[in-house]
Structures are given as structure tokens and as C-alpha cells.
Amino acid sequence: MFDYLKEGLSNPGLEVLLRKFKTLYPYLKKIAWSNDIKDPFDERVVEAYWIGNELLDGVSKKELYQNLLEDHGLKKKLTPKEFSRLKEKIDEGALPHHSFHVFNIWKRTGHMQVPHTLESMDECRIGWGKTTEIDGPYITIKTRPLKFLENKLALGEETTRRIVRRLDNQLDDIKKGDIITVHWGSPCEIITKKEALMLERFTLLSIRLANKYL
């Protein structure tokens, strides 16, 4: 599914499937609508949500608030105190990036309404790292894991991590030195240094907002 998204490929069956993802689709739809883009699965829209780009700035604070309130129904899923804090974070510059939802909405608000753990947040966010070794399906990268440091979320020191390409993974042309993204322990795509910096920027913004009430 991720391969379809990153390549900008779409078909009716895939769109029906993606619309069932209660967290993903409302964000894509809002980013597209706010930037006058007809297709919510447009490659630029998908990149904005997963990696981060200028389209995020096209979503106003009011539009993001309405998205969380109406499309995600968070007022019913969060406590009044949690939802009030979420509104404050919007006023402080929150953007409809995947990392914002992961770090700032502690419950998984799709089909499972259960709290995130540090480990699940680290796996669910879009991580990234530089490839140092490739051994068949195994890829070793240098990456910065999510940590709790002095009771605050932070990206830790760079460490080595080994991940596995599944048989259906289309990331065949990876080589040493490539920067790749990682989601739930699986390599997703090769990104540029500029894209990695954008991903880091929006990830750190989301972490800063999350730390406001930790």
C-alpha cells in the first residue's frame, strides 16, 4: 500500500481501502482541499503527510481544528482536558503531519482506541536513517531512536538498527549511503537529504508540542 502512495498510483479499489484508514484519509483529504488539489492521493499530498513539505503551511489553524473535531471526531475520543490541550497546540503551530498525530494524540484513534507506548510511537512514526550494510533482505541503518530523556520525548543518539525487507517490498535499488524511511520496522522509500531534513524538522516540531504537557 505504501508503495502505491509514494508512487502516486491510484485505483478505485485502493481508494476504497485507504478510506477505511480512519486516521490517514481525513488528513490527506484536508491537506488536498486546503491546497486546491483535487486528488487526496496526489503524490505531493502524501509526501506532505508522511515526510513534510510546503503544503502543510496551506492548512490554516481553523481548518486543522475542524479536521480534528469533525473528521477525526477527537472531541468524543479524548477527555475535555486532552482536547483543550490539543487546541492549544494548534495555536502554537501544529501541522497535519503524521508525527503530530503519533506524538500528540496518545490514543490510537483508528479501530483501536488504546494508549501508545514509547515503543509503539517510535515504530509508528516515520523514522529515517542512512544505510550502512545490505545483506539480502537485511538492511542496517544508522538512525536516532525515540527516547524519554529527563521525562521528555527526544531523538536519542545515533545508533545502529537492523531491519528486514519483506518479500513484497519494492525497495530493490537501495545501496550503501542511501537515506531511507522506516515505518513499523519496514523500509519504505529512499529519500533525499533535503527530504530527510524536512522529516526531521516536522518530527522535532511535533516532539516539542508533545513535551508541552509531559
Protein backbone atom coordinates (compact mmCIF):
# COMPACT_ATOMS: atom_id res chain seq x y z
CA MET A 1 0.00 0.00 0.00
CA PHE A 2 2.81 2.42 0.88
CA ASP A 3 4.40 1.76 -2.49
CA TYR A 4 1.19 2.86 -4.23
CA LEU A 5 1.08 6.04 -2.18
CA LYS A 6 4.69 7.08 -2.67
CA GLU A 7 4.49 6.49 -6.42
CA GLY A 8 1.28 8.48 -6.72
CA LEU A 9 -0.55 5.43 -8.08
CA SER A 10 -4.27 5.15 -7.52
CA ASN A 11 -7.19 2.98 -8.49
CA PRO A 12 -10.79 2.73 -7.23
CA GLY A 13 -10.15 -0.39 -5.17
CA LEU A 14 -7.13 1.14 -3.47
CA GLU A 15 -9.01 4.35 -2.73
CA VAL A 16 -11.82 2.39 -1.07
CA LEU A 17 -9.22 0.57 1.05
CA LEU A 18 -7.44 3.76 2.08
CA ARG A 19 -10.66 5.50 3.03
CA LYS A 20 -11.09 2.83 5.68
CA PHE A 21 -7.95 4.07 7.41
CA LYS A 22 -9.66 6.39 9.85
CA THR A 23 -6.52 8.37 10.71
CA LEU A 24 -4.79 8.58 7.33
CA TYR A 25 -7.55 9.54 4.93
CA PRO A 26 -9.01 12.60 6.77
CA TYR A 27 -5.56 14.19 6.89
CA LEU A 28 -4.89 13.57 3.20
CA LYS A 29 -8.31 14.94 2.31
CA LYS A 30 -7.78 18.10 4.37
CA ILE A 31 -4.27 18.79 3.03
CA ALA A 32 -5.53 18.38 -0.54
CA TRP A 33 -8.64 20.55 -0.01
CA SER A 34 -6.65 23.33 1.68
CA ASN A 35 -4.23 23.47 -1.25
CA ASP A 36 -6.83 23.23 -4.05
CA ILE A 37 -5.66 19.76 -5.05
CA LYS A 38 -8.47 17.53 -6.26
CA ASP A 39 -6.92 14.13 -5.55
CA PRO A 40 -6.17 13.42 -1.85
CA PHE A 41 -3.80 10.68 -3.02
CA ASP A 42 -1.75 13.11 -5.11
CA GLU A 43 1.96 12.39 -4.54
CA ARG A 44 2.54 15.91 -3.14
CA VAL A 45 -0.24 15.42 -0.60
CA VAL A 46 1.05 12.03 0.52
CA GLU A 47 4.57 13.45 0.83
CA ALA A 48 3.25 16.35 2.93
CA TYR A 49 1.64 14.00 5.43
CA TRP A 50 4.40 11.38 5.67
CA ILE A 51 7.59 13.41 5.07
CA GLY A 52 6.54 17.06 5.18
CA ASN A 53 6.54 19.83 2.58
CA GLU A 54 5.15 23.30 1.90
CA LEU A 55 1.57 22.03 1.53
CA LEU A 56 1.34 21.72 5.32
CA ASP A 57 1.53 25.51 5.60
CA GLY A 58 -1.55 25.72 3.38
CA VAL A 59 -3.70 24.23 6.14
CA SER A 60 -4.89 27.01 8.45
CA LYS A 61 -5.26 26.61 12.21
CA LYS A 62 -9.03 26.80 11.84
CA GLU A 63 -9.03 24.09 9.15
CA LEU A 64 -6.85 21.80 11.25
CA TYR A 65 -9.11 22.32 14.27
CA GLN A 66 -12.19 21.45 12.22
CA ASN A 67 -10.40 18.42 10.81
CA LEU A 68 -9.61 17.05 14.27
CA LEU A 69 -13.04 17.92 15.62
CA GLU A 70 -15.28 16.78 12.77
CA ASP A 71 -13.33 14.39 10.54
CA HIS A 72 -11.47 12.59 13.33
CA GLY A 73 -14.14 13.09 15.99
CA LEU A 74 -11.49 13.66 18.64
CA LYS A 75 -13.72 15.62 20.99
CA LYS A 76 -15.59 12.37 21.63
CA LYS A 77 -12.46 10.23 21.83
CA LEU A 78 -10.38 12.44 24.13
CA THR A 79 -11.12 13.85 27.56
CA PRO A 80 -12.11 17.56 27.72
CA LYS A 81 -8.68 18.34 29.19
CA GLU A 82 -6.87 16.44 26.44
CA PHE A 83 -8.89 18.13 23.70
CA SER A 84 -8.30 21.57 25.24
CA ARG A 85 -4.56 20.93 25.22
CA LEU A 86 -4.79 19.83 21.61
CA LYS A 87 -6.39 23.17 20.69
CA GLU A 88 -3.52 24.99 22.41
CA LYS A 89 -1.03 23.03 20.34
CA ILE A 90 -2.82 24.07 17.16
CA ASP A 91 -2.46 27.70 18.24
CA GLU A 92 1.25 27.08 18.77
CA GLY A 93 1.85 25.86 15.23
CA ALA A 94 0.75 22.23 14.99
CA LEU A 95 0.53 20.92 11.42
CA PRO A 96 -1.26 17.90 9.88
CA HIS A 97 1.89 15.79 9.76
CA HIS A 98 1.90 12.10 10.66
CA SER A 99 4.26 12.71 13.58
CA PHE A 100 1.87 15.24 15.13
CA HIS A 101 -0.83 12.60 15.42
CA VAL A 102 1.60 9.96 16.70
CA PHE A 103 3.17 12.10 19.44
CA ASN A 104 0.29 14.35 20.44
CA ILE A 105 -2.72 12.05 20.37
CA TRP A 106 -1.73 9.33 22.77
CA LYS A 107 -4.59 7.00 21.98
CA ARG A 108 -4.64 5.16 18.69
CA THR A 109 -7.81 6.65 17.32
CA GLY A 110 -8.50 4.34 14.40
CA HIS A 111 -10.11 0.98 15.08
CA MET A 112 -8.16 0.50 18.32
CA GLN A 113 -8.56 3.17 20.99
CA VAL A 114 -5.66 2.18 23.23
CA PRO A 115 -2.74 4.26 24.56
CA HIS A 116 0.51 4.46 22.63
CA THR A 117 3.72 3.37 24.34
CA LEU A 118 7.16 4.83 23.68
CA GLU A 119 7.96 1.76 21.60
CA SER A 120 4.77 1.95 19.54
CA MET A 121 5.26 5.68 18.93
CA ASP A 122 8.81 5.04 17.73
CA GLU A 123 7.56 2.31 15.39
CA CYS A 124 4.52 4.24 14.17
CA ARG A 125 6.34 7.48 13.34
CA ILE A 126 8.15 7.76 10.03
CA GLY A 127 11.75 7.22 11.04
CA TRP A 128 14.79 7.60 8.82
CA GLY A 129 18.40 6.51 8.66
CA LYS A 130 21.47 6.10 6.46
CA THR A 131 22.12 2.65 5.04
CA THR A 132 25.43 1.16 6.16
CA GLU A 133 25.08 -2.51 5.18
CA ILE A 134 22.88 -4.65 2.94
CA ASP A 135 22.74 -8.43 3.35
CA GLY A 136 19.95 -9.94 1.29
CA PRO A 137 16.68 -8.94 2.94
CA TYR A 138 18.53 -7.39 5.91
CA ILE A 139 19.36 -3.68 5.91
CA THR A 140 21.47 -1.99 8.57
CA ILE A 141 20.97 1.73 9.12
CA LYS A 142 22.23 4.45 11.42
CA THR A 143 19.25 6.16 12.99
CA ARG A 144 18.12 8.15 16.02
CA PRO A 145 15.51 6.29 18.09
CA LEU A 146 12.77 7.96 20.11
CA LYS A 147 13.70 8.20 23.79
CA PHE A 148 12.49 9.57 27.10
CA LEU A 149 15.24 11.90 28.35
CA GLU A 150 14.60 13.68 31.65
CA ASN A 151 10.91 12.82 31.32
CA LYS A 152 10.67 14.42 27.88
CA LEU A 153 10.42 12.92 24.41
CA ALA A 154 13.56 13.33 22.31
CA LEU A 155 15.51 11.78 19.49
CA GLY A 156 18.36 9.85 21.05
CA GLU A 157 21.96 9.47 19.97
CA GLU A 158 22.58 7.84 16.62
CA THR A 159 22.59 4.06 16.85
CA THR A 160 22.69 1.05 14.52
CA ARG A 161 19.47 -0.77 13.68
CA ARG A 162 18.86 -3.84 11.51
CA ILE A 163 15.57 -4.01 9.62
CA VAL A 164 14.12 -6.55 7.20
CA ARG A 165 12.67 -6.16 3.73
CA ARG A 166 9.53 -8.23 3.28
CA LEU A 167 9.14 -10.33 0.15
CA ASP A 168 6.60 -7.88 -1.28
CA ASN A 169 8.77 -4.82 -0.58
CA GLN A 170 9.57 -2.93 -3.78
CA LEU A 171 12.71 -1.22 -2.43
CA ASP A 172 15.11 -3.14 -4.67
CA ASP A 173 17.56 -0.43 -5.72
CA ILE A 174 18.81 0.57 -2.28
CA LYS A 175 22.57 0.90 -1.82
CA LYS A 176 25.00 1.86 0.93
CA GLY A 177 24.79 5.54 1.80
CA ASP A 178 21.13 5.89 0.83
CA ILE A 179 18.82 7.53 3.34
CA ILE A 180 15.64 5.52 3.79
CA THR A 181 12.43 5.92 5.75
CA VAL A 182 11.18 3.26 8.16
CA HIS A 183 7.64 2.52 9.38
CA TRP A 184 6.79 -0.30 11.80
CA GLY A 185 10.20 -1.86 11.26
CA SER A 186 9.98 -1.98 7.47
CA PRO A 187 11.96 0.11 4.96
CA CYS A 188 9.65 2.32 2.91
CA GLU A 189 11.48 4.53 0.43
CA ILE A 190 14.76 6.20 -0.45
CA ILE A 191 14.68 9.93 0.29
CA THR A 192 16.99 12.85 -0.44
CA LYS A 193 18.97 14.79 2.16
CA LYS A 194 16.52 17.66 1.73
CA GLU A 195 13.57 15.36 2.40
CA ALA A 196 15.35 13.92 5.44
CA LEU A 197 15.83 17.44 6.81
CA MET A 198 12.15 18.19 6.23
CA LEU A 199 11.15 14.99 8.02
CA GLU A 200 13.45 15.85 10.91
CA ARG A 201 12.07 19.39 11.09
CA PHE A 202 8.43 18.33 11.35
CA THR A 203 9.25 15.44 13.68
CA LEU A 204 11.04 17.79 16.09
CA LEU A 205 8.14 20.26 15.92
CA SER A 206 5.73 17.51 16.89
CA ILE A 207 8.00 16.36 19.71
CA ARG A 208 8.26 19.92 21.05
CA LEU A 209 4.48 20.25 21.12
CA ALA A 210 4.11 16.86 22.79
CA ASN A 211 6.57 17.82 25.51
CA LYS A 212 4.48 20.82 26.49
CA TYR A 213 2.31 18.68 28.76
CA LEU A 214 4.67 15.86 29.73
